[in-house]
Amino acid sequence: MAYILPLVNWSNGIIMIAVFGIVCVALVAALLIFMNSGKKDKS
């Protein structure tokens, strides 16, 4: 039983998931801003 190790380090995993989520939200926001700025040139 001493050889059983936890497969998930929650303190590091939660931080990595939070950083991944922030990066995804930032990329989507940058894409939306880029798309909206392109439509203003035609009008």
PDB file of N, CA and C in Angstrom:
ATOM      1  N   MET A   1       0.816  -1.211   0.000  1.00  0.00           N
ATOM      2  CA  MET A   1       0.000   0.000   0.000  1.00  0.00           C
ATOM      3  C   MET A   1       0.853   1.265   0.000  1.00  0.00           C
ATOM      4  N   ALA A   2       2.121   1.159   0.336  1.00  0.00           N
ATOM      5  CA  ALA A   2       2.978   2.338   0.358  1.00  0.00           C
ATOM      6  C   ALA A   2       3.337   2.797  -1.051  1.00  0.00           C
ATOM      7  N   TYR A   3       3.138   1.924  -2.038  1.00  0.00           N
ATOM      8  CA  TYR A   3       3.494   2.282  -3.413  1.00  0.00           C
ATOM      9  C   TYR A   3       2.382   3.033  -4.136  1.00  0.00           C
ATOM     10  N   ILE A   4       1.207   3.165  -3.524  1.00  0.00           N
ATOM     11  CA  ILE A   4       0.106   3.876  -4.159  1.00  0.00           C
ATOM     12  C   ILE A   4       0.352   5.377  -4.020  1.00  0.00           C
ATOM     13  N   LEU A   5       0.504   6.037  -5.154  1.00  0.00           N
ATOM     14  CA  LEU A   5       0.745   7.473  -5.164  1.00  0.00           C
ATOM     15  C   LEU A   5      -0.463   8.169  -5.778  1.00  0.00           C
ATOM     16  N   PRO A   6      -0.761   9.366  -5.335  1.00  0.00           N
ATOM     17  CA  PRO A   6      -1.873  10.101  -5.960  1.00  0.00           C
ATOM     18  C   PRO A   6      -1.518  10.471  -7.397  1.00  0.00           C
ATOM     19  N   LEU A   7      -2.467  10.280  -8.302  1.00  0.00           N
ATOM     20  CA  LEU A   7      -2.225  10.548  -9.715  1.00  0.00           C
ATOM     21  C   LEU A   7      -2.467  12.003 -10.073  1.00  0.00           C
ATOM     22  N   VAL A   8      -3.113  12.750  -9.194  1.00  0.00           N
ATOM     23  CA  VAL A   8      -3.454  14.136  -9.485  1.00  0.00           C
ATOM     24  C   VAL A   8      -2.929  15.015  -8.363  1.00  0.00           C
ATOM     25  N   ASN A   9      -2.179  16.037  -8.746  1.00  0.00           N
ATOM     26  CA  ASN A   9      -1.749  17.050  -7.782  1.00  0.00           C
ATOM     27  C   ASN A   9      -2.707  18.228  -7.924  1.00  0.00           C
ATOM     28  N   TRP A  10      -3.688  18.304  -7.015  1.00  0.00           N
ATOM     29  CA  TRP A  10      -4.772  19.274  -7.181  1.00  0.00           C
ATOM     30  C   TRP A  10      -4.295  20.710  -7.059  1.00  0.00           C
ATOM     31  N   SER A  11      -3.303  20.961  -6.225  1.00  0.00           N
ATOM     32  CA  SER A  11      -2.843  22.345  -6.074  1.00  0.00           C
ATOM     33  C   SER A  11      -2.218  22.855  -7.363  1.00  0.00           C
ATOM     34  N   ASN A  12      -1.494  22.014  -8.064  1.00  0.00           N
ATOM     35  CA  ASN A  12      -0.908  22.425  -9.335  1.00  0.00           C
ATOM     36  C   ASN A  12      -1.937  22.329 -10.450  1.00  0.00           C
ATOM     37  N   GLY A  13      -2.809  21.349 -10.408  1.00  0.00           N
ATOM     38  CA  GLY A  13      -3.786  21.140 -11.473  1.00  0.00           C
ATOM     39  C   GLY A  13      -4.807  22.263 -11.573  1.00  0.00           C
ATOM     40  N   ILE A  14      -5.267  22.759 -10.431  1.00  0.00           N
ATOM     41  CA  ILE A  14      -6.257  23.843 -10.448  1.00  0.00           C
ATOM     42  C   ILE A  14      -5.634  25.103 -11.032  1.00  0.00           C
ATOM     43  N   ILE A  15      -4.375  25.363 -10.711  1.00  0.00           N
ATOM     44  CA  ILE A  15      -3.704  26.541 -11.258  1.00  0.00           C
ATOM     45  C   ILE A  15      -3.544  26.403 -12.769  1.00  0.00           C
ATOM     46  N   MET A  16      -3.177  25.223 -13.241  1.00  0.00           N
ATOM     47  CA  MET A  16      -2.991  25.019 -14.678  1.00  0.00           C
ATOM     48  C   MET A  16      -4.317  25.135 -15.421  1.00  0.00           C
ATOM     49  N   ILE A  17      -5.401  24.611 -14.862  1.00  0.00           N
ATOM     50  CA  ILE A  17      -6.714  24.719 -15.490  1.00  0.00           C
ATOM     51  C   ILE A  17      -7.164  26.177 -15.529  1.00  0.00           C
ATOM     52  N   ALA A  18      -6.900  26.925 -14.462  1.00  0.00           N
ATOM     53  CA  ALA A  18      -7.284  28.337 -14.433  1.00  0.00           C
ATOM     54  C   ALA A  18      -6.503  29.125 -15.481  1.00  0.00           C
ATOM     55  N   VAL A  19      -5.212  28.875 -15.619  1.00  0.00           N
ATOM     56  CA  VAL A  19      -4.400  29.581 -16.625  1.00  0.00           C
ATOM     57  C   VAL A  19      -4.883  29.212 -18.021  1.00  0.00           C
ATOM     58  N   PHE A  20      -5.202  27.935 -18.246  1.00  0.00           N
ATOM     59  CA  PHE A  20      -5.697  27.511 -19.559  1.00  0.00           C
ATOM     60  C   PHE A  20      -7.010  28.193 -19.883  1.00  0.00           C
ATOM     61  N   GLY A  21      -7.900  28.309 -18.892  1.00  0.00           N
ATOM     62  CA  GLY A  21      -9.177  28.975 -19.110  1.00  0.00           C
ATOM     63  C   GLY A  21      -9.005  30.448 -19.421  1.00  0.00           C
ATOM     64  N   ILE A  22      -8.102  31.114 -18.713  1.00  0.00           N
ATOM     65  CA  ILE A  22      -7.862  32.541 -18.962  1.00  0.00           C
ATOM     66  C   ILE A  22      -7.298  32.747 -20.356  1.00  0.00           C
ATOM     67  N   VAL A  23      -6.387  31.875 -20.785  1.00  0.00           N
ATOM     68  CA  VAL A  23      -5.809  31.994 -22.125  1.00  0.00           C
ATOM     69  C   VAL A  23      -6.884  31.780 -23.183  1.00  0.00           C
ATOM     70  N   CYS A  24      -7.773  30.801 -22.982  1.00  0.00           N
ATOM     71  CA  CYS A  24      -8.844  30.550 -23.949  1.00  0.00           C
ATOM     72  C   CYS A  24      -9.788  31.749 -24.037  1.00  0.00           C
ATOM     73  N   VAL A  25     -10.168  32.315 -22.906  1.00  0.00           N
ATOM     74  CA  VAL A  25     -11.057  33.479 -22.914  1.00  0.00           C
ATOM     75  C   VAL A  25     -10.371  34.667 -23.593  1.00  0.00           C
ATOM     76  N   ALA A  26      -9.089  34.852 -23.350  1.00  0.00           N
ATOM     77  CA  ALA A  26      -8.365  35.963 -23.974  1.00  0.00           C
ATOM     78  C   ALA A  26      -8.282  35.775 -25.483  1.00  0.00           C
ATOM     79  N   LEU A  27      -8.080  34.546 -25.953  1.00  0.00           N
ATOM     80  CA  LEU A  27      -8.010  34.308 -27.395  1.00  0.00           C
ATOM     81  C   LEU A  27      -9.359  34.541 -28.061  1.00  0.00           C
ATOM     82  N   VAL A  28     -10.434  34.102 -27.418  1.00  0.00           N
ATOM     83  CA  VAL A  28     -11.771  34.323 -27.983  1.00  0.00           C
ATOM     84  C   VAL A  28     -12.090  35.811 -28.004  1.00  0.00           C
ATOM     85  N   ALA A  29     -11.737  36.528 -26.947  1.00  0.00           N
ATOM     86  CA  ALA A  29     -11.992  37.970 -26.909  1.00  0.00           C
ATOM     87  C   ALA A  29     -11.184  38.694 -27.987  1.00  0.00           C
ATOM     88  N   ALA A  30      -9.934  38.313 -28.169  1.00  0.00           N
ATOM     89  CA  ALA A  30      -9.119  38.935 -29.212  1.00  0.00           C
ATOM     90  C   ALA A  30      -9.690  38.633 -30.596  1.00  0.00           C
ATOM     91  N   LEU A  31     -10.191  37.432 -30.806  1.00  0.00           N
ATOM     92  CA  LEU A  31     -10.787  37.082 -32.094  1.00  0.00           C
ATOM     93  C   LEU A  31     -12.047  37.896 -32.350  1.00  0.00           C
ATOM     94  N   LEU A  32     -12.889  38.071 -31.346  1.00  0.00           N
ATOM     95  CA  LEU A  32     -14.109  38.859 -31.519  1.00  0.00           C
ATOM     96  C   LEU A  32     -13.788  40.328 -31.781  1.00  0.00           C
ATOM     97  N   ILE A  33     -12.812  40.874 -31.076  1.00  0.00           N
ATOM     98  CA  ILE A  33     -12.419  42.270 -31.306  1.00  0.00           C
ATOM     99  C   ILE A  33     -11.865  42.430 -32.717  1.00  0.00           C
ATOM    100  N   PHE A  34     -11.077  41.456 -33.168  1.00  0.00           N
ATOM    101  CA  PHE A  34     -10.509  41.524 -34.514  1.00  0.00           C
ATOM    102  C   PHE A  34     -11.603  41.435 -35.569  1.00  0.00           C
ATOM    103  N   MET A  35     -12.585  40.573 -35.364  1.00  0.00           N
ATOM    104  CA  MET A  35     -13.678  40.427 -36.330  1.00  0.00           C
ATOM    105  C   MET A  35     -14.538  41.691 -36.355  1.00  0.00           C
ATOM    106  N   ASN A  36     -14.835  42.277 -35.210  1.00  0.00           N
ATOM    107  CA  ASN A  36     -15.659  43.480 -35.180  1.00  0.00           C
ATOM    108  C   ASN A  36     -14.940  44.690 -35.763  1.00  0.00           C
ATOM    109  N   SER A  37     -13.639  44.758 -35.627  1.00  0.00           N
ATOM    110  CA  SER A  37     -12.902  45.895 -36.172  1.00  0.00           C
ATOM    111  C   SER A  37     -12.840  45.805 -37.697  1.00  0.00           C
ATOM    112  N   GLY A  38     -12.895  44.626 -38.257  1.00  0.00           N
ATOM    113  CA  GLY A  38     -12.847  44.474 -39.693  1.00  0.00           C
ATOM    114  C   GLY A  38     -14.147  44.893 -40.369  1.00  0.00           C
ATOM    115  N   LYS A  39     -15.265  44.761 -39.692  1.00  0.00           N
ATOM    116  CA  LYS A  39     -16.557  45.112 -40.288  1.00  0.00           C
ATOM    117  C   LYS A  39     -16.763  46.616 -40.378  1.00  0.00           C
ATOM    118  N   LYS A  40     -16.044  47.404 -39.564  1.00  0.00           N
ATOM    119  CA  LYS A  40     -16.236  48.856 -39.549  1.00  0.00           C
ATOM    120  C   LYS A  40     -15.651  49.511 -40.803  1.00  0.00           C
ATOM    121  N   ASP A  41     -14.722  48.859 -41.493  1.00  0.00           N
ATOM    122  CA  ASP A  41     -14.096  49.462 -42.660  1.00  0.00           C
ATOM    123  C   ASP A  41     -15.062  49.527 -43.846  1.00  0.00           C
ATOM    124  N   LYS A  42     -15.954  48.544 -43.982  1.00  0.00           N
ATOM    125  CA  LYS A  42     -16.868  48.504 -45.124  1.00  0.00           C
ATOM    126  C   LYS A  42     -18.005  49.512 -45.000  1.00  0.00           C
ATOM    127  N   SER A  43     -18.442  49.820 -43.812  1.00  0.00           N
ATOM    128  CA  SER A  43     -19.599  50.696 -43.654  1.00  0.00           C
ATOM    129  C   SER A  43     -19.238  52.171 -43.692  1.00  0.00           C
TER     130      SER A  43
END
